[in-house]
Amino acid sequence: MAELSKGPYIGVLSSLFPSSVQPGLGLSIRERMFRVARRLPLFVVAPTPWMPWQDAIKEYLDKPHFRPGAPEYEEQQGIPVWYPRFLSVPGVLRCCDGWTMAMAAYRRFAAMRHAGHLDVIDAHFAYPDGYAAVLLGRRLGVPVTISLRGDEARQAQNSRLASRLREALTGATKVFAVSEGLRQLAVGLGTPGERAETIGDGVDVERFRPRDRGKARAALGLTPEAPVLISAGWPVDEKGCHRVIEVLPSLVRRWPGLAYLVAGAGALAGHDGTALRAHAVRLGLGDAVRFLDDVPLNELSAPLSAADVFVLATHAGSGGNVFLQAMACGLPVVTTEAGVSRETVCRPELGELIPFGEPLALEAALDRALSQPWDRAAIRRYAETNSWDGRIDRLCRVFAELTGRTARE
């Protein structure tokens, strides 16, 4: 592990983290924390869910992509990443995940603490990761930070998980939230206001920038005049690609040649986009829906630049990072009015927010977005005000304050 400074050593705990097996998992977490790693020494522990007879169950249920696992260890961009297995039984026993994750991660965190390479545990998502981090922090005598990323609002409504969520948030030394709404949720669950801070994810405006539109379209076999929508992310129900597909038949009649690109339809092992493809076929959409499968983050600007409008019909309003990536490429955004989306798509000139679960509203918003002459340069300028630098400055400052150490002693 590179010795960048004498500043605090950060141990990241996240079960949602990329690996060679699942390269599309938790990219925004890695982007955020590997930027911190440019200033502070850092390692990652990414527990992987496991249960007895898992392979036999996968075969019996004919779900070969379910819980594909991860290697024991990888080095990514010079950062060590460990993937210990933790016992996790879906359903009612999920309330035990925090305990089993802590037990699985303890050996690695204890070894790093003993070696003098652990000063702060930084967890992503409050449960089970944050809950496990609080248990580890108490045992090892180090402060704990938890980043809230969107699942917490749903978990707070779950009677089996709400108490675990509250314990994690009130037990953390500091709570970061990627949106103000999530910060307010944390305070409502008992987190003292002075211990909760909003620090959203940023966007790399050098990586995400408009590319030559004609070349981007030609590479995808799209005509210059075709109306093009795009979504990016895992092909899971939460992202809402199926909701966009449902309103496409009417839009295709109004917009001949319309294409809908789903970038990342194979990004998450266990969710390979098969159901989405079948859904499109059932609706007779033919070539209107195009699945781009795994699109590396470094290459996502190309399909974004080929599109006219970015859409994400998510149920939780998650996706602030990908909204900014689309905006950095000059795209207006149509998405659900919830969570971080309200704070990202905050002006009419950036896109439109719609109520969740109202297909007619989604259809009308997409129709308007395709018709409107957007100021794409202004959208790009807004994205530029949300670059990573200021956010990473704040994170590193908090880590230093929690330990009484600085990044460059």
Protein backbone atom coordinates (compact mmCIF):
# COMPACT_ATOMS: atom_id res chain seq x y z
CA MET A 1 0.00 0.00 0.00
CA ALA A 2 1.48 3.34 -1.05
CA GLU A 3 2.45 5.70 1.77
CA LEU A 4 0.96 8.94 0.46
CA SER A 5 1.26 10.85 3.73
CA LYS A 6 1.14 10.56 7.48
CA GLY A 7 -2.50 11.49 7.31
CA PRO A 8 -5.28 9.22 8.59
CA TYR A 9 -5.48 5.72 7.15
CA ILE A 10 -8.94 5.03 5.77
CA GLY A 11 -10.47 1.56 5.70
CA VAL A 12 -13.44 1.46 3.31
CA LEU A 13 -16.20 -1.07 4.03
CA SER A 14 -18.61 -1.66 1.16
CA SER A 15 -20.34 -4.81 -0.06
CA LEU A 16 -21.11 -2.92 -3.28
CA PHE A 17 -17.70 -2.62 -4.88
CA PRO A 18 -16.32 -3.56 -8.31
CA SER A 19 -14.28 -6.70 -8.89
CA SER A 20 -13.03 -8.63 -11.89
CA VAL A 21 -16.15 -10.79 -11.53
CA GLN A 22 -18.61 -7.88 -11.24
CA PRO A 23 -16.85 -4.91 -12.84
CA GLY A 24 -19.97 -2.74 -12.94
CA LEU A 25 -20.74 -2.95 -9.24
CA GLY A 26 -20.49 0.18 -7.06
CA LEU A 27 -18.60 2.33 -9.54
CA SER A 28 -19.59 5.61 -7.89
CA ILE A 29 -18.24 4.36 -4.55
CA ARG A 30 -14.91 3.43 -6.09
CA GLU A 31 -14.73 6.71 -8.00
CA ARG A 32 -15.29 8.70 -4.81
CA MET A 33 -12.96 6.80 -2.52
CA PHE A 34 -10.15 6.22 -5.01
CA ARG A 35 -10.05 9.99 -5.44
CA VAL A 36 -9.64 10.24 -1.67
CA ALA A 37 -6.84 7.66 -2.03
CA ARG A 38 -4.87 10.15 -4.11
CA ARG A 39 -4.47 12.17 -0.90
CA LEU A 40 -4.80 9.69 1.95
CA PRO A 41 -3.66 6.07 2.39
CA LEU A 42 -6.64 3.77 1.91
CA PHE A 43 -7.65 0.12 1.64
CA VAL A 44 -10.98 -1.56 0.87
CA VAL A 45 -12.81 -4.50 2.44
CA ALA A 46 -15.75 -5.55 0.24
CA PRO A 47 -17.67 -8.40 1.92
CA THR A 48 -19.42 -10.77 -0.47
CA PRO A 49 -22.73 -12.45 0.46
CA TRP A 50 -22.69 -16.23 0.71
CA MET A 51 -24.81 -19.03 2.17
CA PRO A 52 -24.49 -22.82 2.43
CA TRP A 53 -25.51 -24.82 -0.64
CA GLN A 54 -25.52 -21.60 -2.67
CA ASP A 55 -24.28 -23.25 -5.87
CA ALA A 56 -26.87 -26.03 -5.61
CA ILE A 57 -29.64 -23.49 -5.05
CA LYS A 58 -28.49 -21.46 -8.07
CA GLU A 59 -28.60 -24.58 -10.22
CA TYR A 60 -31.99 -25.69 -8.89
CA LEU A 61 -33.53 -22.25 -9.48
CA ASP A 62 -31.75 -21.92 -12.85
CA LYS A 63 -30.17 -18.62 -11.79
CA PRO A 64 -26.52 -19.02 -12.76
CA HIS A 65 -25.80 -15.30 -12.28
CA PHE A 66 -27.11 -15.15 -8.70
CA ARG A 67 -24.33 -14.20 -6.28
CA PRO A 68 -21.37 -14.86 -8.55
CA GLY A 69 -18.90 -14.13 -5.75
CA ALA A 70 -15.56 -12.38 -6.01
CA PRO A 71 -11.85 -13.16 -5.80
CA GLU A 72 -10.29 -13.19 -2.32
CA TYR A 73 -8.07 -10.23 -3.16
CA GLU A 74 -7.38 -7.76 -5.94
CA GLU A 75 -5.24 -4.70 -6.37
CA GLN A 76 -7.06 -1.93 -8.20
CA GLN A 77 -5.19 1.21 -9.24
CA GLY A 78 -2.60 0.35 -6.61
CA ILE A 79 -5.23 0.04 -3.85
CA PRO A 80 -5.63 -3.28 -1.98
CA VAL A 81 -9.17 -4.69 -2.02
CA TRP A 82 -10.20 -7.78 -0.01
CA TYR A 83 -13.45 -9.70 -0.59
CA PRO A 84 -14.22 -11.85 2.48
CA ARG A 85 -17.42 -13.93 2.35
CA PHE A 86 -20.16 -13.23 4.88
CA LEU A 87 -23.17 -15.38 5.70
CA SER A 88 -26.30 -13.86 4.20
CA VAL A 89 -29.65 -15.62 3.82
CA PRO A 90 -32.16 -13.59 1.76
CA GLY A 91 -35.52 -12.69 3.25
CA VAL A 92 -36.31 -12.56 6.94
CA LEU A 93 -32.73 -13.29 7.99
CA ARG A 94 -31.44 -10.13 6.34
CA CYS A 95 -31.62 -8.50 9.75
CA CYS A 96 -28.57 -10.60 10.65
CA ASP A 97 -26.42 -9.35 7.75
CA GLY A 98 -24.85 -6.55 9.77
CA TRP A 99 -23.52 -8.97 12.39
CA THR A 100 -22.23 -11.53 9.92
CA MET A 101 -20.62 -8.85 7.77
CA ALA A 102 -18.80 -7.45 10.79
CA MET A 103 -17.54 -10.91 11.74
CA ALA A 104 -16.32 -11.58 8.20
CA ALA A 105 -14.50 -8.24 7.97
CA TYR A 106 -13.07 -8.17 11.49
CA ARG A 107 -9.88 -10.13 10.81
CA ARG A 108 -8.73 -7.80 8.05
CA PHE A 109 -9.61 -4.58 9.89
CA ALA A 110 -7.97 -5.84 13.09
CA ALA A 111 -4.78 -6.71 11.19
CA MET A 112 -4.64 -3.27 9.61
CA ARG A 113 -5.29 -1.61 12.96
CA HIS A 114 -2.51 -3.64 14.59
CA ALA A 115 -0.17 -2.60 11.76
CA GLY A 116 -1.00 1.08 12.31
CA HIS A 117 -2.83 1.31 8.99
CA LEU A 118 -6.36 2.02 10.21
CA ASP A 119 -7.58 5.31 11.68
CA VAL A 120 -11.12 5.63 10.27
CA ILE A 121 -13.67 3.09 8.97
CA ASP A 122 -15.69 4.56 6.10
CA ALA A 123 -18.83 2.56 5.21
CA HIS A 124 -21.17 3.00 2.25
CA PHE A 125 -24.90 2.45 2.80
CA ALA A 126 -26.18 2.43 6.37
CA TYR A 127 -27.32 -1.20 6.44
CA PRO A 128 -25.79 -3.68 6.55
CA ASP A 129 -22.44 -2.00 5.84
CA GLY A 130 -22.78 0.94 8.21
CA TYR A 131 -24.15 -1.22 10.99
CA ALA A 132 -21.20 -3.60 10.61
CA ALA A 133 -18.79 -0.65 10.57
CA VAL A 134 -20.16 0.66 13.87
CA LEU A 135 -19.66 -2.75 15.48
CA LEU A 136 -16.10 -2.87 14.14
CA GLY A 137 -15.36 0.68 15.19
CA ARG A 138 -16.39 0.00 18.77
CA ARG A 139 -14.30 -3.14 18.93
CA LEU A 140 -11.20 -1.56 17.38
CA GLY A 141 -11.51 1.89 18.92
CA VAL A 142 -11.68 3.93 15.70
CA PRO A 143 -14.20 6.51 14.43
CA VAL A 144 -16.74 5.47 11.83
CA THR A 145 -18.24 7.40 8.93
CA ILE A 146 -21.27 6.21 6.97
CA SER A 147 -22.26 7.45 3.51
CA LEU A 148 -25.98 7.28 2.73
CA ARG A 149 -26.68 6.48 -0.92
CA GLY A 150 -30.41 6.00 -1.32
CA ASP A 151 -31.48 2.59 0.01
CA GLU A 152 -31.97 4.04 3.48
CA ALA A 153 -35.34 5.66 2.75
CA ARG A 154 -36.76 2.28 1.75
CA GLN A 155 -35.12 0.47 4.67
CA ALA A 156 -36.59 2.97 7.12
CA GLN A 157 -40.04 1.67 6.11
CA ASN A 158 -39.07 -1.94 6.82
CA SER A 159 -39.99 -2.92 10.38
CA ARG A 160 -37.22 -5.55 10.53
CA LEU A 161 -34.49 -3.20 9.32
CA ALA A 162 -35.49 0.21 10.72
CA SER A 163 -34.03 -0.43 14.17
CA ARG A 164 -30.73 -1.63 12.66
CA LEU A 165 -30.67 1.45 10.46
CA ARG A 166 -31.21 3.71 13.47
CA GLU A 167 -28.48 1.97 15.46
CA ALA A 168 -26.02 2.43 12.62
CA LEU A 169 -26.78 6.11 12.13
CA THR A 170 -26.76 7.05 15.80
CA GLY A 171 -23.62 5.00 16.41
CA ALA A 172 -21.58 6.60 13.61
CA THR A 173 -19.10 9.34 14.37
CA LYS A 174 -20.08 11.15 11.17
CA VAL A 175 -22.78 10.61 8.56
CA PHE A 176 -22.32 11.75 4.97
CA ALA A 177 -25.33 11.91 2.65
CA VAL A 178 -25.23 12.18 -1.12
CA SER A 179 -28.35 14.36 -0.98
CA GLU A 180 -29.89 16.81 1.48
CA GLY A 181 -33.01 14.65 1.63
CA LEU A 182 -30.95 11.72 2.91
CA ARG A 183 -29.26 13.97 5.46
CA GLN A 184 -32.66 15.00 6.76
CA LEU A 185 -33.69 11.34 6.92
CA ALA A 186 -30.63 10.61 9.06
CA VAL A 187 -31.48 13.46 11.42
CA GLY A 188 -35.06 12.24 11.61
CA LEU A 189 -33.79 8.82 12.66
CA GLY A 190 -31.80 10.28 15.54
CA THR A 191 -28.49 11.43 14.07
CA PRO A 192 -27.46 14.73 15.73
CA GLY A 193 -27.57 17.47 13.11
CA GLU A 194 -23.94 18.46 13.65
CA ARG A 195 -22.84 14.92 12.84
CA ALA A 196 -24.66 14.75 9.48
CA GLU A 197 -23.30 16.47 6.37
CA THR A 198 -24.36 16.50 2.73
CA ILE A 199 -21.51 15.65 0.37
CA GLY A 200 -22.82 14.44 -2.96
CA ASP A 201 -20.96 12.50 -5.58
CA GLY A 202 -19.31 14.58 -8.27
CA VAL A 203 -18.58 14.15 -11.94
CA ASP A 204 -15.32 13.87 -13.86
CA VAL A 205 -15.89 16.58 -16.47
CA GLU A 206 -12.80 15.55 -18.40
CA ARG A 207 -13.93 11.94 -18.79
CA PHE A 208 -17.57 12.93 -19.38
CA ARG A 209 -17.78 15.50 -22.15
CA PRO A 210 -19.62 15.80 -25.45
CA ARG A 211 -18.10 13.71 -28.23
CA ASP A 212 -18.63 14.11 -31.95
CA ARG A 213 -22.35 13.38 -32.33
CA GLY A 214 -22.13 12.08 -35.89
CA LYS A 215 -19.32 9.65 -35.11
CA ALA A 216 -21.03 8.48 -31.91
CA ARG A 217 -24.22 7.73 -33.83
CA ALA A 218 -22.47 6.08 -36.71
CA ALA A 219 -20.66 3.74 -34.30
CA LEU A 220 -24.05 2.59 -32.99
CA GLY A 221 -25.71 2.35 -36.40
CA LEU A 222 -27.99 5.32 -35.71
CA THR A 223 -29.03 7.80 -38.38
CA PRO A 224 -28.19 11.49 -37.84
CA GLU A 225 -31.87 12.47 -37.62
CA ALA A 226 -33.13 9.68 -35.31
CA PRO A 227 -34.62 10.73 -31.96
CA VAL A 228 -32.59 8.91 -29.30
CA LEU A 229 -33.27 8.25 -25.61
CA ILE A 230 -30.73 6.63 -23.29
CA SER A 231 -30.59 5.09 -19.82
CA ALA A 232 -27.44 3.91 -18.10
CA GLY A 233 -27.01 1.54 -15.18
CA TRP A 234 -27.85 -1.97 -14.07
CA PRO A 235 -30.86 -3.68 -15.66
CA VAL A 236 -32.68 -4.00 -12.32
CA ASP A 237 -36.27 -3.05 -11.62
CA GLU A 238 -35.19 -0.19 -9.37
CA LYS A 239 -33.67 1.64 -12.35
CA GLY A 240 -36.98 1.55 -14.22
CA CYS A 241 -35.85 0.73 -17.76
CA HIS A 242 -38.92 -1.48 -18.11
CA ARG A 243 -41.11 1.54 -17.38
CA VAL A 244 -39.51 3.44 -20.24
CA ILE A 245 -39.99 0.47 -22.56
CA GLU A 246 -43.70 0.36 -21.66
CA VAL A 247 -44.31 3.88 -22.99
CA LEU A 248 -42.20 3.46 -26.13
CA PRO A 249 -44.92 2.12 -28.47
CA SER A 250 -46.80 5.42 -28.33
CA LEU A 251 -43.61 7.45 -28.62
CA VAL A 252 -42.42 5.43 -31.63
CA ARG A 253 -45.67 6.27 -33.44
CA ARG A 254 -45.10 9.98 -32.81
CA TRP A 255 -41.35 9.85 -33.40
CA PRO A 256 -40.57 7.53 -36.34
CA GLY A 257 -37.12 6.01 -36.07
CA LEU A 258 -36.92 6.57 -32.32
CA ALA A 259 -34.24 4.52 -30.56
CA TYR A 260 -33.87 3.75 -26.86
CA LEU A 261 -30.36 2.80 -25.73
CA VAL A 262 -29.89 0.82 -22.52
CA ALA A 263 -26.21 1.20 -21.65
CA GLY A 264 -25.04 -1.34 -19.12
CA ALA A 265 -27.65 -4.05 -19.66
CA GLY A 266 -25.15 -6.66 -18.56
CA ALA A 267 -23.31 -4.61 -15.98
CA LEU A 268 -24.51 -6.44 -12.89
CA ALA A 269 -24.02 -10.16 -12.70
CA GLY A 270 -27.32 -11.72 -11.76
CA HIS A 271 -29.24 -9.11 -13.74
CA ASP A 272 -28.24 -9.70 -17.35
CA GLY A 273 -31.09 -7.81 -19.00
CA THR A 274 -32.89 -10.94 -20.21
CA ALA A 275 -36.23 -9.81 -18.78
CA LEU A 276 -35.87 -6.37 -20.38
CA ARG A 277 -35.10 -7.87 -23.77
CA ALA A 278 -38.12 -10.16 -23.54
CA HIS A 279 -40.29 -7.22 -22.49
CA ALA A 280 -39.22 -5.23 -25.56
CA VAL A 281 -39.95 -8.20 -27.84
CA ARG A 282 -43.42 -8.68 -26.34
CA LEU A 283 -44.24 -5.05 -27.12
CA GLY A 284 -43.08 -5.46 -30.71
CA LEU A 285 -40.42 -2.79 -30.45
CA GLY A 286 -37.92 -4.55 -32.69
CA ASP A 287 -34.83 -2.42 -33.20
CA ALA A 288 -36.24 0.51 -31.23
CA VAL A 289 -34.62 -0.80 -28.03
CA ARG A 290 -30.88 -1.42 -28.22
CA PHE A 291 -29.00 -3.10 -25.41
CA LEU A 292 -25.39 -1.99 -25.19
CA ASP A 293 -24.51 -4.44 -22.39
CA ASP A 294 -21.34 -3.64 -20.46
CA VAL A 295 -20.12 -0.15 -21.32
CA PRO A 296 -16.91 0.72 -19.45
CA LEU A 297 -17.12 4.01 -17.58
CA ASN A 298 -14.34 5.46 -19.72
CA GLU A 299 -16.42 4.80 -22.84
CA LEU A 300 -19.85 5.91 -21.62
CA SER A 301 -19.47 9.43 -23.06
CA ALA A 302 -19.82 8.04 -26.59
CA PRO A 303 -23.37 6.60 -26.30
CA LEU A 304 -24.41 9.55 -24.14
CA SER A 305 -23.21 11.92 -26.87
CA ALA A 306 -25.25 9.97 -29.43
CA ALA A 307 -28.49 10.58 -27.50
CA ASP A 308 -30.94 13.47 -27.25
CA VAL A 309 -32.38 12.82 -23.77
CA PHE A 310 -31.30 10.84 -20.71
CA VAL A 311 -34.10 9.05 -18.84
CA LEU A 312 -34.21 7.08 -15.61
CA ALA A 313 -37.64 6.06 -14.29
CA THR A 314 -36.29 4.94 -10.92
CA HIS A 315 -38.57 4.29 -7.96
CA ALA A 316 -36.21 5.89 -5.43
CA GLY A 317 -34.88 8.85 -7.36
CA SER A 318 -31.38 7.43 -7.16
CA GLY A 319 -28.75 8.12 -9.79
CA GLY A 320 -27.36 11.57 -8.99
CA ASN A 321 -23.93 10.60 -10.27
CA VAL A 322 -25.17 9.28 -13.61
CA PHE A 323 -27.42 12.34 -14.02
CA LEU A 324 -24.34 14.55 -13.77
CA GLN A 325 -22.45 12.32 -16.19
CA ALA A 326 -25.26 12.73 -18.73
CA MET A 327 -25.41 16.48 -18.16
CA ALA A 328 -21.65 16.75 -18.62
CA CYS A 329 -22.28 15.36 -22.11
CA GLY A 330 -24.96 18.03 -22.67
CA LEU A 331 -28.04 15.85 -22.14
CA PRO A 332 -31.25 17.00 -20.43
CA VAL A 333 -32.60 14.51 -17.87
CA VAL A 334 -36.11 13.11 -17.40
CA THR A 335 -36.44 11.24 -14.13
CA THR A 336 -38.56 10.54 -11.08
CA GLU A 337 -39.25 13.32 -8.60
CA ALA A 338 -37.65 11.76 -5.53
CA GLY A 339 -34.48 11.78 -3.48
CA VAL A 340 -31.29 13.11 -5.02
CA SER A 341 -32.93 13.71 -8.41
CA ARG A 342 -34.76 16.76 -7.00
CA GLU A 343 -31.45 18.27 -6.01
CA THR A 344 -29.64 17.41 -9.25
CA VAL A 345 -32.33 18.20 -11.84
CA CYS A 346 -33.08 21.39 -9.97
CA ARG A 347 -34.02 23.76 -12.80
CA PRO A 348 -36.33 23.43 -15.84
CA GLU A 349 -33.46 24.08 -18.23
CA LEU A 350 -31.80 20.88 -16.99
CA GLY A 351 -34.69 18.50 -17.59
CA GLU A 352 -37.99 17.45 -16.06
CA LEU A 353 -39.07 15.56 -12.94
CA ILE A 354 -42.14 13.34 -13.02
CA PRO A 355 -44.19 11.47 -10.39
CA PHE A 356 -43.20 7.85 -9.93
CA GLY A 357 -45.46 5.17 -11.37
CA GLU A 358 -47.38 7.39 -13.78
CA PRO A 359 -46.68 6.14 -17.31
CA LEU A 360 -48.70 8.89 -19.00
CA ALA A 361 -46.61 11.53 -17.22
CA LEU A 362 -43.40 9.75 -18.27
CA GLU A 363 -44.57 9.51 -21.88
CA ALA A 364 -45.58 13.19 -21.98
CA ALA A 365 -42.30 14.31 -20.40
CA LEU A 366 -40.25 12.36 -22.93
CA ASP A 367 -42.32 13.76 -25.77
CA ARG A 368 -41.68 17.30 -24.51
CA ALA A 369 -37.98 16.61 -23.99
CA LEU A 370 -37.58 15.38 -27.56
CA SER A 371 -39.41 18.45 -28.87
CA GLN A 372 -37.58 21.10 -26.86
CA PRO A 373 -34.52 23.00 -28.16
CA TRP A 374 -32.22 22.52 -25.16
CA ASP A 375 -29.22 24.73 -24.43
CA ARG A 376 -26.78 21.85 -24.17
CA ALA A 377 -23.80 24.08 -23.47
CA ALA A 378 -25.62 25.50 -20.43
CA ILE A 379 -26.38 21.97 -19.21
CA ARG A 380 -22.69 21.13 -19.55
CA ARG A 381 -21.74 24.27 -17.57
CA TYR A 382 -24.03 23.19 -14.74
CA ALA A 383 -22.31 19.80 -14.60
CA GLU A 384 -18.94 21.55 -14.42
CA THR A 385 -20.02 23.24 -11.17
CA ASN A 386 -20.41 19.75 -9.67
CA SER A 387 -16.90 18.41 -10.25
CA TRP A 388 -15.20 16.14 -7.72
CA ASP A 389 -12.51 18.46 -6.37
CA GLY A 390 -14.52 20.39 -3.79
CA ARG A 391 -16.26 17.28 -2.53
CA ILE A 392 -12.99 15.40 -2.03
CA ASP A 393 -11.54 18.41 -0.21
CA ARG A 394 -14.41 18.26 2.29
CA LEU A 395 -14.17 14.49 2.78
CA CYS A 396 -10.43 14.62 3.47
CA ARG A 397 -10.91 17.52 5.86
CA VAL A 398 -13.48 15.58 7.87
CA PHE A 399 -11.30 12.46 8.00
CA ALA A 400 -8.43 14.58 9.30
CA GLU A 401 -10.64 16.29 11.91
CA LEU A 402 -11.91 12.95 13.22
CA THR A 403 -8.39 11.75 13.94
CA GLY A 404 -6.59 14.99 14.73
CA ARG A 405 -4.23 14.31 11.86
CA THR A 406 -3.68 16.08 8.57
CA ALA A 407 -3.14 14.79 5.08
CA ARG A 408 0.31 16.28 4.77
CA GLU A 409 2.09 16.45 8.11
